[in-house]
């Protein structure tokens, strides 16, 4: 496995982790809203930071040939 294929695998894994954190954060925020409890700031912060990381990962010049 060459360096490009190995970095491609890690970029995909990191994208999956960031996407999972964003999805989990959204589910938690929606659940807290439905049951009428205040939303802890950690859910919002984790979701925003993960979304920013995912956006940065998708526009990174390191993966120009990987996603599209």
Protein backbone atom coordinates (compact mmCIF):
# COMPACT_ATOMS: atom_id res chain seq x y z
CA UNK A 1 0.00 0.00 0.00
CA UNK A 2 1.57 3.28 -1.03
CA UNK A 3 1.40 6.54 0.91
CA UNK A 4 -1.49 7.97 -1.17
CA UNK A 5 -3.71 4.92 -0.60
CA UNK A 6 -2.87 4.90 3.10
CA UNK A 7 -3.70 8.60 3.51
CA UNK A 8 -6.91 8.03 1.55
CA UNK A 9 -8.01 5.37 4.02
CA UNK A 10 -7.35 7.68 6.97
CA UNK A 11 -9.15 10.59 5.34
CA UNK A 12 -12.22 8.40 4.85
CA UNK A 13 -12.07 7.18 8.45
CA UNK A 14 -11.77 10.71 9.80
CA UNK A 15 -14.71 11.76 7.61
CA UNK A 16 -16.82 8.94 9.03
CA UNK A 17 -15.91 9.93 12.60
CA UNK A 18 -16.71 13.62 12.01
CA UNK A 19 -19.97 12.73 10.27
CA UNK A 20 -20.98 10.40 13.11
CA UNK A 21 -20.30 13.08 15.71
CA UNK A 22 -22.36 15.62 13.74
CA UNK A 23 -25.24 13.16 13.36
CA UNK A 24 -25.13 12.18 17.04
CA UNK A 25 -25.07 15.79 18.11
CA UNK A 26 -28.09 16.60 15.94
CA UNK A 27 -30.02 13.63 17.33
CA UNK A 28 -29.21 14.71 20.90
CA UNK A 29 -30.23 18.32 20.24
CA UNK A 30 -33.50 17.26 18.59
CA UNK A 31 -34.25 14.80 21.41
CA UNK A 32 -33.61 17.42 24.09
CA UNK A 33 -35.83 19.88 22.24
CA UNK A 34 -38.68 17.36 21.92
CA UNK A 35 -38.65 16.38 25.59
CA UNK A 36 -38.38 20.04 26.64
CA UNK A 37 -35.05 19.97 28.45
CA UNK A 38 -32.33 22.60 28.02
CA UNK A 39 -29.67 21.71 25.48
CA UNK A 40 -26.22 21.27 27.04
CA UNK A 41 -23.62 23.42 25.35
CA UNK A 42 -21.32 20.45 24.78
CA UNK A 43 -23.70 18.98 22.18
CA UNK A 44 -23.78 22.20 20.21
CA UNK A 45 -20.02 22.72 20.49
CA UNK A 46 -19.18 19.15 19.45
CA UNK A 47 -21.52 19.37 16.48
CA UNK A 48 -20.17 22.71 15.28
CA UNK A 49 -16.51 21.74 15.69
CA UNK A 50 -17.07 18.42 13.92
CA UNK A 51 -18.97 20.12 11.12
CA UNK A 52 -16.13 22.61 10.65
CA UNK A 53 -13.60 19.76 10.65
CA UNK A 54 -15.63 17.83 8.10
CA UNK A 55 -15.93 20.87 5.85
CA UNK A 56 -12.19 21.50 6.14
CA UNK A 57 -11.49 17.86 5.34
CA UNK A 58 -13.69 17.92 2.24
CA UNK A 59 -12.08 21.07 0.78
CA UNK A 60 -8.52 20.13 1.70
CA UNK A 61 -6.03 20.06 -1.19
CA UNK A 62 -4.68 16.75 0.16
CA UNK A 63 -7.72 14.83 -1.10
CA UNK A 64 -8.29 16.34 -4.54
CA UNK A 65 -8.59 12.98 -6.27
CA UNK A 66 -10.25 11.08 -3.45
CA UNK A 67 -13.80 12.44 -3.19
CA UNK A 68 -14.48 13.58 -6.67
